[in-house]
Amino acid sequence: MESARELFLGQGYAATTLDQIALRAGVAVQTVYFHFRNKATVLKEVMDVSSVGDDAPVPLLDRPWLRRVREEPDPRRAVAIWLRNSRAVYGRVAPLLSVVRDAAGADPDMAAQWRVNQDQRYVAHRTLAEILAAKKALRPGLTVAKAADIIFTLVSPEVYLLVTGERGWSAARWQNWVTALVAQEVLEP
């Protein structure tokens, strides 16, 4: 999967072949076909492992850091824990999301993958909104749905890549900025 990741990031989805992945990984192409069936599945698996940071069969929303977010009594610290982990996730996955997004216009498998990734990201950010609502920490009049929309937009890989890639911000600077912004827009004053 590391070989595939390097190729996808280096030359994009369309230009990467299973033969290249196999050659770089030092395995027979039949091995890649046997384990993954096709290139879209390879990229999906690379995305899944990159999202959580390992290949343990534990979904992102079942990870220990989320338990810390739930258990943290201070909503601002809960947001900070969430965004510290978002920084780690985006450091691994945001460039790959760009590969998927760029390929989505020409490849139906990648269009479907992009939709799945967006839906998963929304579910995650809605989970944060629900946690904050359970703590009675949302701004007055702000529903869980509206809070989820705000978080989904502010904590997007597009914004992360824009400021860290295009504008040269460090990931730490993005984290501090977006933590303050989410707290300002979602949490009660």
C-alpha atoms as a PDB file:
ATOM      1  CA  MET A   1       0.000   0.000   0.000  1.00  0.00           C
ATOM      2  CA  GLU A   2       2.907   2.362   0.639  1.00  0.00           C
ATOM      3  CA  SER A   3       4.085   1.843  -2.932  1.00  0.00           C
ATOM      4  CA  ALA A   4       0.617   2.625  -4.233  1.00  0.00           C
ATOM      5  CA  ARG A   5       0.393   5.715  -2.018  1.00  0.00           C
ATOM      6  CA  GLU A   6       3.688   7.047  -3.353  1.00  0.00           C
ATOM      7  CA  LEU A   7       2.638   6.469  -6.958  1.00  0.00           C
ATOM      8  CA  PHE A   8      -0.832   7.967  -6.560  1.00  0.00           C
ATOM      9  CA  LEU A   9       0.632  11.066  -4.907  1.00  0.00           C
ATOM     10  CA  GLY A  10       3.497  11.322  -7.377  1.00  0.00           C
ATOM     11  CA  GLN A  11       1.694  10.851 -10.653  1.00  0.00           C
ATOM     12  CA  GLY A  12      -2.035  10.827  -9.942  1.00  0.00           C
ATOM     13  CA  TYR A  13      -4.675   8.144 -10.189  1.00  0.00           C
ATOM     14  CA  ALA A  14      -5.022   7.890 -13.980  1.00  0.00           C
ATOM     15  CA  ALA A  15      -1.296   7.554 -14.638  1.00  0.00           C
ATOM     16  CA  THR A  16      -0.742   4.898 -11.966  1.00  0.00           C
ATOM     17  CA  THR A  17      -1.072   1.275 -13.033  1.00  0.00           C
ATOM     18  CA  LEU A  18      -1.262  -1.943 -11.061  1.00  0.00           C
ATOM     19  CA  ASP A  19       1.905  -3.065 -12.878  1.00  0.00           C
ATOM     20  CA  GLN A  20       3.738  -0.001 -11.512  1.00  0.00           C
ATOM     21  CA  ILE A  21       2.424  -0.621  -8.009  1.00  0.00           C
ATOM     22  CA  ALA A  22       3.546  -4.256  -8.133  1.00  0.00           C
ATOM     23  CA  LEU A  23       6.979  -3.345  -9.516  1.00  0.00           C
ATOM     24  CA  ARG A  24       7.570  -0.707  -6.861  1.00  0.00           C
ATOM     25  CA  ALA A  25       6.365  -3.067  -4.101  1.00  0.00           C
ATOM     26  CA  GLY A  26       8.538  -5.901  -5.389  1.00  0.00           C
ATOM     27  CA  VAL A  27       5.640  -8.311  -5.880  1.00  0.00           C
ATOM     28  CA  ALA A  28       4.011  -9.951  -8.858  1.00  0.00           C
ATOM     29  CA  VAL A  29       1.126  -8.006 -10.402  1.00  0.00           C
ATOM     30  CA  GLN A  30      -1.034 -11.094  -9.837  1.00  0.00           C
ATOM     31  CA  THR A  31      -0.504 -10.599  -6.100  1.00  0.00           C
ATOM     32  CA  VAL A  32      -1.905  -7.076  -6.356  1.00  0.00           C
ATOM     33  CA  TYR A  33      -4.885  -8.346  -8.381  1.00  0.00           C
ATOM     34  CA  PHE A  34      -5.474 -11.162  -5.896  1.00  0.00           C
ATOM     35  CA  HIS A  35      -5.515  -8.872  -2.863  1.00  0.00           C
ATOM     36  CA  PHE A  36      -7.219  -5.815  -4.342  1.00  0.00           C
ATOM     37  CA  ARG A  37      -8.939  -6.836  -7.630  1.00  0.00           C
ATOM     38  CA  ASN A  38      -8.500  -3.387  -9.225  1.00  0.00           C
ATOM     39  CA  LYS A  39      -6.863   0.019  -8.918  1.00  0.00           C
ATOM     40  CA  ALA A  40      -9.913   1.682  -7.348  1.00  0.00           C
ATOM     41  CA  THR A  41      -9.845  -0.827  -4.499  1.00  0.00           C
ATOM     42  CA  VAL A  42      -6.133  -0.219  -3.980  1.00  0.00           C
ATOM     43  CA  LEU A  43      -6.750   3.511  -3.599  1.00  0.00           C
ATOM     44  CA  LYS A  44      -9.731   2.893  -1.300  1.00  0.00           C
ATOM     45  CA  GLU A  45      -7.580   0.703   0.965  1.00  0.00           C
ATOM     46  CA  VAL A  46      -4.772   3.278   0.938  1.00  0.00           C
ATOM     47  CA  MET A  47      -7.332   5.933   1.924  1.00  0.00           C
ATOM     48  CA  ASP A  48      -8.772   3.787   4.727  1.00  0.00           C
ATOM     49  CA  VAL A  49      -5.378   3.005   6.254  1.00  0.00           C
ATOM     50  CA  SER A  50      -4.241   6.608   5.862  1.00  0.00           C
ATOM     51  CA  SER A  51      -7.373   7.884   7.572  1.00  0.00           C
ATOM     52  CA  VAL A  52      -6.802   5.929  10.766  1.00  0.00           C
ATOM     53  CA  GLY A  53      -3.013   5.737  10.617  1.00  0.00           C
ATOM     54  CA  ASP A  54      -2.664   1.950  10.776  1.00  0.00           C
ATOM     55  CA  ASP A  55      -4.224  -1.215   9.436  1.00  0.00           C
ATOM     56  CA  ALA A  56      -5.878  -2.317  12.681  1.00  0.00           C
ATOM     57  CA  PRO A  57      -9.542  -3.155  12.065  1.00  0.00           C
ATOM     58  CA  VAL A  58     -10.781  -0.310  14.287  1.00  0.00           C
ATOM     59  CA  PRO A  59     -12.906   2.401  12.617  1.00  0.00           C
ATOM     60  CA  LEU A  60     -11.873   6.024  13.032  1.00  0.00           C
ATOM     61  CA  LEU A  61     -14.852   6.823  15.255  1.00  0.00           C
ATOM     62  CA  ASP A  62     -14.005   3.920  17.578  1.00  0.00           C
ATOM     63  CA  ARG A  63     -10.464   5.097  18.274  1.00  0.00           C
ATOM     64  CA  PRO A  64      -9.286   5.997  21.833  1.00  0.00           C
ATOM     65  CA  TRP A  65      -8.881   9.687  21.004  1.00  0.00           C
ATOM     66  CA  LEU A  66     -12.619   9.953  20.337  1.00  0.00           C
ATOM     67  CA  ARG A  67     -13.318   8.512  23.772  1.00  0.00           C
ATOM     68  CA  ARG A  68     -11.179  11.343  25.186  1.00  0.00           C
ATOM     69  CA  VAL A  69     -13.283  13.878  23.235  1.00  0.00           C
ATOM     70  CA  ARG A  70     -16.477  12.360  24.674  1.00  0.00           C
ATOM     71  CA  GLU A  71     -15.120  12.238  28.232  1.00  0.00           C
ATOM     72  CA  GLU A  72     -13.589  15.729  28.258  1.00  0.00           C
ATOM     73  CA  PRO A  73     -15.900  17.960  30.328  1.00  0.00           C
ATOM     74  CA  ASP A  74     -14.598  21.237  28.850  1.00  0.00           C
ATOM     75  CA  PRO A  75     -16.089  21.667  25.337  1.00  0.00           C
ATOM     76  CA  ARG A  76     -13.208  23.864  24.158  1.00  0.00           C
ATOM     77  CA  ARG A  77     -10.692  21.222  25.175  1.00  0.00           C
ATOM     78  CA  ALA A  78     -12.868  18.582  23.486  1.00  0.00           C
ATOM     79  CA  VAL A  79     -12.732  20.607  20.246  1.00  0.00           C
ATOM     80  CA  ALA A  80      -8.956  20.982  20.667  1.00  0.00           C
ATOM     81  CA  ILE A  81      -8.543  17.201  21.067  1.00  0.00           C
ATOM     82  CA  TRP A  82     -10.676  16.626  17.969  1.00  0.00           C
ATOM     83  CA  LEU A  83      -8.667  19.091  15.905  1.00  0.00           C
ATOM     84  CA  ARG A  84      -5.304  17.808  17.107  1.00  0.00           C
ATOM     85  CA  ASN A  85      -6.378  14.433  15.731  1.00  0.00           C
ATOM     86  CA  SER A  86      -7.814  16.032  12.587  1.00  0.00           C
ATOM     87  CA  ARG A  87      -4.395  17.544  11.975  1.00  0.00           C
ATOM     88  CA  ALA A  88      -2.810  14.085  12.138  1.00  0.00           C
ATOM     89  CA  VAL A  89      -5.493  12.588   9.863  1.00  0.00           C
ATOM     90  CA  TYR A  90      -5.246  15.388   7.286  1.00  0.00           C
ATOM     91  CA  GLY A  91      -1.475  15.180   7.300  1.00  0.00           C
ATOM     92  CA  ARG A  92      -1.877  11.602   6.074  1.00  0.00           C
ATOM     93  CA  VAL A  93      -5.023  11.769   3.970  1.00  0.00           C
ATOM     94  CA  ALA A  94      -5.606  15.273   2.543  1.00  0.00           C
ATOM     95  CA  PRO A  95      -3.159  14.844  -0.358  1.00  0.00           C
ATOM     96  CA  LEU A  96      -4.828  11.534  -1.241  1.00  0.00           C
ATOM     97  CA  LEU A  97      -8.246  13.190  -1.154  1.00  0.00           C
ATOM     98  CA  SER A  98      -6.942  15.595  -3.793  1.00  0.00           C
ATOM     99  CA  VAL A  99      -6.011  12.605  -5.957  1.00  0.00           C
ATOM    100  CA  VAL A 100      -9.524  11.192  -5.586  1.00  0.00           C
ATOM    101  CA  ARG A 101     -11.170  14.576  -6.225  1.00  0.00           C
ATOM    102  CA  ASP A 102      -9.042  15.214  -9.311  1.00  0.00           C
ATOM    103  CA  ALA A 103      -9.872  11.791 -10.757  1.00  0.00           C
ATOM    104  CA  ALA A 104     -13.592  11.947  -9.919  1.00  0.00           C
ATOM    105  CA  GLY A 105     -14.540  13.942 -13.009  1.00  0.00           C
ATOM    106  CA  ALA A 106     -13.269  11.311 -15.416  1.00  0.00           C
ATOM    107  CA  ASP A 107     -13.610   8.074 -13.472  1.00  0.00           C
ATOM    108  CA  PRO A 108     -16.934   6.790 -12.080  1.00  0.00           C
ATOM    109  CA  ASP A 109     -15.162   4.676  -9.429  1.00  0.00           C
ATOM    110  CA  MET A 110     -13.337   7.753  -8.152  1.00  0.00           C
ATOM    111  CA  ALA A 111     -16.539   9.818  -8.247  1.00  0.00           C
ATOM    112  CA  ALA A 112     -18.142   7.178  -6.026  1.00  0.00           C
ATOM    113  CA  GLN A 113     -15.076   7.135  -3.760  1.00  0.00           C
ATOM    114  CA  TRP A 114     -15.187  10.937  -3.454  1.00  0.00           C
ATOM    115  CA  ARG A 115     -18.851  10.763  -2.424  1.00  0.00           C
ATOM    116  CA  VAL A 116     -18.098   8.049   0.155  1.00  0.00           C
ATOM    117  CA  ASN A 117     -15.211  10.092   1.565  1.00  0.00           C
ATOM    118  CA  GLN A 118     -17.369  13.219   1.831  1.00  0.00           C
ATOM    119  CA  ASP A 119     -20.186  11.271   3.492  1.00  0.00           C
ATOM    120  CA  GLN A 120     -17.775   9.700   5.987  1.00  0.00           C
ATOM    121  CA  ARG A 121     -16.289  13.099   6.779  1.00  0.00           C
ATOM    122  CA  TYR A 122     -19.769  14.532   7.376  1.00  0.00           C
ATOM    123  CA  VAL A 123     -20.672  11.646   9.712  1.00  0.00           C
ATOM    124  CA  ALA A 124     -17.489  12.284  11.683  1.00  0.00           C
ATOM    125  CA  HIS A 125     -18.151  16.007  12.001  1.00  0.00           C
ATOM    126  CA  ARG A 126     -21.781  15.417  12.893  1.00  0.00           C
ATOM    127  CA  THR A 127     -20.502  13.121  15.650  1.00  0.00           C
ATOM    128  CA  LEU A 128     -18.495  16.026  17.055  1.00  0.00           C
ATOM    129  CA  ALA A 129     -21.569  18.274  16.868  1.00  0.00           C
ATOM    130  CA  GLU A 130     -23.609  15.639  18.722  1.00  0.00           C
ATOM    131  CA  ILE A 131     -20.935  15.318  21.405  1.00  0.00           C
ATOM    132  CA  LEU A 132     -20.917  19.084  21.892  1.00  0.00           C
ATOM    133  CA  ALA A 133     -24.725  19.180  22.009  1.00  0.00           C
ATOM    134  CA  ALA A 134     -24.711  16.448  24.668  1.00  0.00           C
ATOM    135  CA  LYS A 135     -22.379  18.684  26.689  1.00  0.00           C
ATOM    136  CA  LYS A 136     -24.951  21.524  26.260  1.00  0.00           C
ATOM    137  CA  ALA A 137     -22.160  23.539  24.655  1.00  0.00           C
ATOM    138  CA  LEU A 138     -23.639  24.634  21.299  1.00  0.00           C
ATOM    139  CA  ARG A 139     -24.356  28.319  20.703  1.00  0.00           C
ATOM    140  CA  PRO A 140     -27.935  29.238  21.552  1.00  0.00           C
ATOM    141  CA  GLY A 141     -30.216  28.438  18.625  1.00  0.00           C
ATOM    142  CA  LEU A 142     -27.617  26.333  16.832  1.00  0.00           C
ATOM    143  CA  THR A 143     -28.918  22.892  15.938  1.00  0.00           C
ATOM    144  CA  VAL A 144     -26.766  19.795  15.665  1.00  0.00           C
ATOM    145  CA  ALA A 145     -27.336  19.801  11.896  1.00  0.00           C
ATOM    146  CA  LYS A 146     -26.211  23.413  11.513  1.00  0.00           C
ATOM    147  CA  ALA A 147     -23.225  22.849  13.806  1.00  0.00           C
ATOM    148  CA  ALA A 148     -22.266  19.783  11.749  1.00  0.00           C
ATOM    149  CA  ASP A 149     -22.472  21.832   8.545  1.00  0.00           C
ATOM    150  CA  ILE A 150     -20.220  24.528  10.008  1.00  0.00           C
ATOM    151  CA  ILE A 151     -17.660  22.021  11.282  1.00  0.00           C
ATOM    152  CA  PHE A 152     -17.790  20.064   7.992  1.00  0.00           C
ATOM    153  CA  THR A 153     -17.012  23.249   6.079  1.00  0.00           C
ATOM    154  CA  LEU A 154     -14.353  24.737   8.353  1.00  0.00           C
ATOM    155  CA  VAL A 155     -12.536  21.459   8.994  1.00  0.00           C
ATOM    156  CA  SER A 156     -12.336  20.473   5.352  1.00  0.00           C
ATOM    157  CA  PRO A 157      -9.349  18.973   3.575  1.00  0.00           C
ATOM    158  CA  GLU A 158      -9.725  21.691   0.950  1.00  0.00           C
ATOM    159  CA  VAL A 159      -9.163  24.443   3.536  1.00  0.00           C
ATOM    160  CA  TYR A 160      -6.340  22.432   5.116  1.00  0.00           C
ATOM    161  CA  LEU A 161      -4.582  22.039   1.749  1.00  0.00           C
ATOM    162  CA  LEU A 162      -5.246  25.644   0.768  1.00  0.00           C
ATOM    163  CA  VAL A 163      -3.547  27.111   3.821  1.00  0.00           C
ATOM    164  CA  THR A 164      -0.826  24.476   4.321  1.00  0.00           C
ATOM    165  CA  GLY A 165      -0.030  23.934   0.645  1.00  0.00           C
ATOM    166  CA  GLU A 166      -0.876  27.143  -1.171  1.00  0.00           C
ATOM    167  CA  ARG A 167      -0.223  29.625   1.619  1.00  0.00           C
ATOM    168  CA  GLY A 168       2.617  27.799   3.343  1.00  0.00           C
ATOM    169  CA  TRP A 169       1.115  27.536   6.819  1.00  0.00           C
ATOM    170  CA  SER A 170       2.385  24.826   9.103  1.00  0.00           C
ATOM    171  CA  ALA A 171      -0.071  22.130  10.096  1.00  0.00           C
ATOM    172  CA  ALA A 172       0.199  23.421  13.674  1.00  0.00           C
ATOM    173  CA  ARG A 173      -0.813  26.917  12.580  1.00  0.00           C
ATOM    174  CA  TRP A 174      -3.849  25.457  10.724  1.00  0.00           C
ATOM    175  CA  GLN A 175      -4.770  23.471  13.840  1.00  0.00           C
ATOM    176  CA  ASN A 176      -4.612  26.515  16.131  1.00  0.00           C
ATOM    177  CA  TRP A 177      -6.560  28.687  13.701  1.00  0.00           C
ATOM    178  CA  VAL A 178      -9.313  26.176  12.957  1.00  0.00           C
ATOM    179  CA  THR A 179      -9.631  25.227  16.648  1.00  0.00           C
ATOM    180  CA  ALA A 180     -10.295  28.868  17.526  1.00  0.00           C
ATOM    181  CA  LEU A 181     -12.627  29.286  14.556  1.00  0.00           C
ATOM    182  CA  VAL A 182     -14.732  26.191  15.353  1.00  0.00           C
ATOM    183  CA  ALA A 183     -14.983  27.226  19.002  1.00  0.00           C
ATOM    184  CA  GLN A 184     -16.034  30.749  17.987  1.00  0.00           C
ATOM    185  CA  GLU A 185     -18.660  29.607  15.481  1.00  0.00           C
ATOM    186  CA  VAL A 186     -20.116  26.562  17.255  1.00  0.00           C
ATOM    187  CA  LEU A 187     -19.649  26.862  21.010  1.00  0.00           C
ATOM    188  CA  GLU A 188     -21.629  29.077  23.320  1.00  0.00           C
ATOM    189  CA  PRO A 189     -19.714  32.218  24.286  1.00  0.00           C
END
